[in-house]
């Protein structure tokens, strides 16, 4: 296997586990989760031997990062809509029914190289998403193109400094606005919502066009929270009502806008998309 990067550890004042020490030493894998995956796949060598997550680094060790041949083979030529891009990051539109990442070939991650302009910066890496969107959810996805951008965008998410807004269609009578505190996996979770429009429906009794703002980042948070207050999202087969859906129309949940401060240029960015046509069709005048 090809060696992508090599690092020699300086003498350390105290020993450090490989999984912790290696964070930030490789431009190609800047995040802690990426390092853990690389160690698990056997892509990190310590003194020419396969690295183990719990082994200690004390100094003078040669640490190599190997190329992931599987990722190299998985790059696919799938057209993505690029909404915004510069040399550090990008925002793309993910269609419903497309995986962000995973073992399948057809994912956003595997298609990014063919859709984005390579960064000219020294710490340029293979572009990668810095957050997730469910398979069935459409909308905006933030992408890092350099090691520093990926780390800094991750910190913005961790510190809740990236404001995400979603649009959804919910079923049933709903308050004009409110907050949902239902814990998810025994962890604190918070979503605020505003009802923008309401219509009566023979099939669904009442449908609501709702703006959702997640203040925490739990898996399936918006879908679980809407279900928890008795207003499941239309088309949600997992947390909603299978009998109440529009055949072939999918989930009515859309990541509409992102607002954050650019981690390198320090300018405030607000990037948004119009509602998908299937939303507007339901609430047409």
Protein backbone atom coordinates (compact mmCIF):
# COMPACT_ATOMS: atom_id res chain seq x y z
CA UNK A 1 0.00 0.00 0.00
CA UNK A 2 1.12 3.52 -0.76
CA UNK A 3 2.21 5.76 2.14
CA UNK A 4 0.36 9.09 1.96
CA UNK A 5 1.96 10.91 4.90
CA UNK A 6 4.68 10.25 7.48
CA UNK A 7 5.05 11.84 10.90
CA UNK A 8 7.86 11.47 13.44
CA UNK A 9 6.75 11.99 17.03
CA UNK A 10 8.87 14.36 19.12
CA UNK A 11 9.78 13.38 22.67
CA UNK A 12 6.64 13.79 24.77
CA UNK A 13 6.42 14.98 28.36
CA UNK A 14 3.79 12.28 28.96
CA UNK A 15 2.71 9.32 26.89
CA UNK A 16 -0.41 9.56 24.73
CA UNK A 17 -2.69 6.96 23.17
CA UNK A 18 -2.33 6.67 19.39
CA UNK A 19 -6.03 7.43 18.82
CA UNK A 20 -5.56 10.76 20.61
CA UNK A 21 -2.02 11.64 19.55
CA UNK A 22 -2.72 11.12 15.82
CA UNK A 23 -5.53 13.70 15.70
CA UNK A 24 -4.19 16.63 13.69
CA UNK A 25 -0.88 15.12 12.55
CA UNK A 26 -2.15 14.09 9.11
CA UNK A 27 -3.70 16.63 6.70
CA UNK A 28 -5.56 13.82 4.90
CA UNK A 29 -7.34 12.66 8.07
CA UNK A 30 -7.87 15.69 10.32
CA UNK A 31 -10.69 14.50 12.57
CA UNK A 32 -10.76 12.19 15.58
CA UNK A 33 -13.45 9.99 14.00
CA UNK A 34 -11.35 9.74 10.82
CA UNK A 35 -8.29 8.66 12.82
CA UNK A 36 -10.29 5.99 14.64
CA UNK A 37 -11.58 4.62 11.32
CA UNK A 38 -8.09 4.66 9.81
CA UNK A 39 -6.65 2.74 12.79
CA UNK A 40 -9.48 0.22 12.60
CA UNK A 41 -8.81 -0.33 8.88
CA UNK A 42 -5.09 -0.83 9.50
CA UNK A 43 -4.14 2.35 7.63
CA UNK A 44 -1.89 3.73 10.38
CA UNK A 45 1.50 2.15 11.01
CA UNK A 46 3.74 2.79 14.02
CA UNK A 47 7.37 1.91 13.33
CA UNK A 48 6.19 -0.11 10.30
CA UNK A 49 3.74 -2.17 12.38
CA UNK A 50 -0.04 -1.89 12.34
CA UNK A 51 -1.10 0.71 14.89
CA UNK A 52 -3.53 -0.12 17.69
CA UNK A 53 -5.86 2.49 19.12
CA UNK A 54 -4.82 1.99 22.73
CA UNK A 55 -1.06 1.79 22.24
CA UNK A 56 0.99 4.57 23.76
CA UNK A 57 3.16 7.04 21.87
CA UNK A 58 6.11 8.33 23.92
CA UNK A 59 8.24 10.00 21.22
CA UNK A 60 10.61 9.19 18.30
CA UNK A 61 8.04 6.82 16.72
CA UNK A 62 7.59 6.93 12.94
CA UNK A 63 3.86 7.04 12.18
CA UNK A 64 2.68 6.42 8.61
CA UNK A 65 -0.72 6.95 7.03
CA UNK A 66 -1.50 4.51 4.21
CA UNK A 67 -3.73 5.12 1.22
CA UNK A 68 -7.18 3.56 1.45
CA UNK A 69 -7.44 1.57 -1.78
CA UNK A 70 -11.16 0.96 -1.25
CA UNK A 71 -11.89 4.70 -1.19
CA UNK A 72 -9.79 5.22 -4.28
CA UNK A 73 -11.89 2.69 -6.18
CA UNK A 74 -15.16 4.14 -4.92
CA UNK A 75 -14.84 7.61 -6.52
CA UNK A 76 -17.84 7.81 -8.86
CA UNK A 77 -18.97 10.27 -11.48
CA UNK A 78 -22.37 11.24 -10.06
CA UNK A 79 -23.57 14.80 -10.78
CA UNK A 80 -24.27 16.88 -7.67
CA UNK A 81 -25.70 20.40 -7.50
CA UNK A 82 -23.05 22.71 -6.04
CA UNK A 83 -24.83 25.60 -4.31
CA UNK A 84 -21.76 27.46 -3.00
CA UNK A 85 -18.01 26.85 -3.15
CA UNK A 86 -14.64 28.44 -2.45
CA UNK A 87 -11.14 27.07 -1.89
CA UNK A 88 -11.90 25.97 1.69
CA UNK A 89 -15.42 24.54 1.71
CA UNK A 90 -18.55 23.93 -0.32
CA UNK A 91 -22.29 23.50 0.12
CA UNK A 92 -24.05 20.97 -2.07
CA UNK A 93 -27.68 19.98 -2.53
CA UNK A 94 -28.38 16.39 -1.53
CA UNK A 95 -31.40 14.83 -3.16
CA UNK A 96 -33.74 12.62 -1.16
CA UNK A 97 -32.84 8.94 -1.51
CA UNK A 98 -29.07 9.48 -1.64
CA UNK A 99 -26.71 8.31 1.12
CA UNK A 100 -24.19 10.83 2.46
CA UNK A 101 -21.64 8.07 3.14
CA UNK A 102 -21.44 4.34 3.73
CA UNK A 103 -20.34 1.10 2.11
CA UNK A 104 -22.30 1.60 -1.10
CA UNK A 105 -20.62 3.16 -4.13
CA UNK A 106 -23.37 5.70 -4.84
CA UNK A 107 -22.90 8.20 -2.01
CA UNK A 108 -22.34 11.95 -1.77
CA UNK A 109 -18.86 11.36 -0.29
CA UNK A 110 -17.75 9.22 -3.23
CA UNK A 111 -19.06 11.75 -5.78
CA UNK A 112 -17.52 14.92 -4.31
CA UNK A 113 -14.16 14.66 -6.10
CA UNK A 114 -15.91 14.76 -9.49
CA UNK A 115 -18.08 17.76 -8.59
CA UNK A 116 -15.82 20.16 -6.67
CA UNK A 117 -12.80 22.19 -7.72
CA UNK A 118 -9.69 20.88 -5.90
CA UNK A 119 -8.38 23.21 -3.20
CA UNK A 120 -5.02 24.85 -3.88
CA UNK A 121 -4.10 25.01 -0.20
CA UNK A 122 -1.27 22.89 1.26
CA UNK A 123 -3.65 21.11 3.63
CA UNK A 124 -6.09 20.18 0.86
CA UNK A 125 -7.74 16.79 1.40
CA UNK A 126 -10.34 14.69 -0.33
CA UNK A 127 -13.57 16.69 0.23
CA UNK A 128 -15.79 15.28 2.95
CA UNK A 129 -19.13 16.14 4.57
CA UNK A 130 -18.88 17.63 8.05
CA UNK A 131 -22.39 16.67 9.18
CA UNK A 132 -25.10 14.24 8.12
CA UNK A 133 -28.48 14.21 6.43
CA UNK A 134 -30.79 11.20 6.52
CA UNK A 135 -31.13 9.10 3.37
CA UNK A 136 -34.72 10.29 2.88
CA UNK A 137 -34.04 13.98 3.63
CA UNK A 138 -33.20 16.50 0.90
CA UNK A 139 -31.32 19.77 1.26
CA UNK A 140 -28.06 21.51 2.04
CA UNK A 141 -24.93 19.62 3.07
CA UNK A 142 -21.73 21.36 4.21
CA UNK A 143 -18.43 20.02 2.83
CA UNK A 144 -14.84 20.63 3.97
CA UNK A 145 -12.05 20.77 1.37
CA UNK A 146 -9.01 21.31 3.61
CA UNK A 147 -7.88 19.73 6.87
CA UNK A 148 -8.20 23.00 8.79
CA UNK A 149 -11.64 23.71 7.37
CA UNK A 150 -12.92 20.28 8.37
CA UNK A 151 -11.59 20.69 11.92
CA UNK A 152 -12.89 24.26 12.27
CA UNK A 153 -16.32 23.45 10.86
CA UNK A 154 -16.48 20.52 13.26
CA UNK A 155 -15.78 22.91 16.14
CA UNK A 156 -18.50 25.27 14.92
CA UNK A 157 -20.99 22.38 15.04
CA UNK A 158 -19.71 21.25 18.43
CA UNK A 159 -20.14 24.77 19.83
CA UNK A 160 -23.56 25.15 18.18
CA UNK A 161 -22.37 28.04 16.01
CA UNK A 162 -23.89 26.72 12.79
CA UNK A 163 -27.59 27.53 12.48
CA UNK A 164 -29.58 24.98 10.47
CA UNK A 165 -33.20 25.42 9.41
CA UNK A 166 -35.45 22.70 8.01
CA UNK A 167 -38.86 22.76 6.37
CA UNK A 168 -41.26 19.88 6.99
CA UNK A 169 -44.87 18.93 6.43
CA UNK A 170 -46.47 17.50 9.57
CA UNK A 171 -49.78 15.74 10.14
CA UNK A 172 -52.45 16.78 12.65
CA UNK A 173 -53.43 19.85 14.62
CA UNK A 174 -50.34 21.76 15.71
CA UNK A 175 -49.55 24.84 17.80
CA UNK A 176 -48.33 27.99 16.05
CA UNK A 177 -44.91 27.61 17.68
CA UNK A 178 -43.14 25.75 20.45
CA UNK A 179 -40.12 23.82 21.66
CA UNK A 180 -39.67 20.06 21.97
CA UNK A 181 -37.45 18.67 24.75
CA UNK A 182 -38.01 14.92 24.32
CA UNK A 183 -34.72 13.09 25.18
CA UNK A 184 -33.26 10.85 22.48
CA UNK A 185 -31.21 7.82 23.59
CA UNK A 186 -31.37 9.30 27.10
CA UNK A 187 -29.57 12.43 25.89
CA UNK A 188 -30.82 16.00 26.09
CA UNK A 189 -32.42 17.06 22.80
CA UNK A 190 -34.02 20.34 21.78
CA UNK A 191 -35.94 21.49 18.71
CA UNK A 192 -37.92 24.68 18.18
CA UNK A 193 -40.64 25.03 15.56
CA UNK A 194 -42.90 27.59 13.89
CA UNK A 195 -46.01 26.67 11.93
CA UNK A 196 -46.03 28.67 8.70
CA UNK A 197 -49.21 27.37 7.03
CA UNK A 198 -52.03 24.97 7.79
CA UNK A 199 -54.54 23.35 5.45
CA UNK A 200 -57.42 20.95 5.96
CA UNK A 201 -57.17 17.61 4.23
CA UNK A 202 -59.66 14.77 3.69
CA UNK A 203 -56.95 12.13 3.96
CA UNK A 204 -54.83 13.69 6.72
CA UNK A 205 -57.37 15.90 8.55
CA UNK A 206 -54.78 18.67 8.77
CA UNK A 207 -51.36 19.34 7.23
CA UNK A 208 -48.85 21.91 8.45
CA UNK A 209 -45.92 23.57 6.73
CA UNK A 210 -43.44 23.89 9.59
CA UNK A 211 -40.03 25.48 10.07
CA UNK A 212 -37.85 23.35 12.35
CA UNK A 213 -34.63 24.42 14.07
CA UNK A 214 -32.59 21.72 15.81
CA UNK A 215 -30.49 22.98 18.72
CA UNK A 216 -28.88 19.59 19.31
CA UNK A 217 -27.70 17.01 16.78
CA UNK A 218 -29.23 13.66 17.64
CA UNK A 219 -29.81 11.00 15.00
CA UNK A 220 -33.30 11.36 13.45
CA UNK A 221 -33.97 14.17 15.94
CA UNK A 222 -36.55 16.12 13.94
CA UNK A 223 -38.50 13.02 12.95
CA UNK A 224 -38.54 11.68 16.52
CA UNK A 225 -39.45 15.05 18.00
CA UNK A 226 -42.36 15.66 15.63
CA UNK A 227 -43.66 12.17 16.34
CA UNK A 228 -43.32 12.76 20.11
CA UNK A 229 -45.79 15.68 20.08
CA UNK A 230 -48.31 13.82 17.92
CA UNK A 231 -47.37 15.49 14.62
CA UNK A 232 -45.36 12.98 12.58
CA UNK A 233 -43.70 14.19 9.38
CA UNK A 234 -45.59 13.27 6.22
CA UNK A 235 -44.02 10.28 4.46
CA UNK A 236 -42.06 9.10 7.51
CA UNK A 237 -42.47 5.32 7.45
CA UNK A 238 -40.19 4.75 10.44
CA UNK A 239 -41.57 7.26 12.94
CA UNK A 240 -44.84 8.24 11.29
CA UNK A 241 -47.93 6.43 10.12
CA UNK A 242 -47.51 4.08 7.15
CA UNK A 243 -51.20 4.31 6.31
CA UNK A 244 -50.95 8.10 5.99
CA UNK A 245 -48.56 8.94 3.18
CA UNK A 246 -48.47 10.13 -0.41
CA UNK A 247 -47.35 7.17 -2.49
CA UNK A 248 -44.07 7.78 -4.28
CA UNK A 249 -43.52 11.24 -2.77
CA UNK A 250 -41.11 10.25 0.00
CA UNK A 251 -40.35 12.10 3.23
CA UNK A 252 -41.43 15.73 3.51
CA UNK A 253 -38.32 17.00 5.29
CA UNK A 254 -35.91 19.45 3.67
CA UNK A 255 -32.71 21.09 4.98
CA UNK A 256 -33.47 24.59 3.77
CA UNK A 257 -30.73 26.89 5.10
CA UNK A 258 -27.31 27.10 6.77
CA UNK A 259 -25.98 30.16 8.56
CA UNK A 260 -22.43 30.37 9.96
CA UNK A 261 -19.24 32.39 10.01
CA UNK A 262 -16.69 31.27 7.43
CA UNK A 263 -13.87 29.71 9.51
CA UNK A 264 -11.10 31.31 7.42
CA UNK A 265 -12.52 34.49 5.87
CA UNK A 266 -14.57 35.37 8.99
CA UNK A 267 -17.52 36.55 6.89
CA UNK A 268 -21.08 35.64 7.79
CA UNK A 269 -22.65 33.26 5.28
CA UNK A 270 -26.35 32.56 4.87
CA UNK A 271 -27.06 29.91 2.24
CA UNK A 272 -30.61 28.83 1.50
CA UNK A 273 -32.72 26.94 -1.02
CA UNK A 274 -36.35 27.34 -2.07
CA UNK A 275 -38.86 24.75 -0.92
CA UNK A 276 -39.05 21.63 -3.09
CA UNK A 277 -41.93 21.70 -5.54
CA UNK A 278 -43.77 18.88 -3.78
CA UNK A 279 -44.08 21.15 -0.70
CA UNK A 280 -45.38 24.11 -2.68
CA UNK A 281 -47.84 21.89 -4.53
CA UNK A 282 -49.50 20.82 -1.27
CA UNK A 283 -49.83 24.39 -0.01
CA UNK A 284 -50.68 26.05 -3.32
CA UNK A 285 -53.24 28.87 -3.10
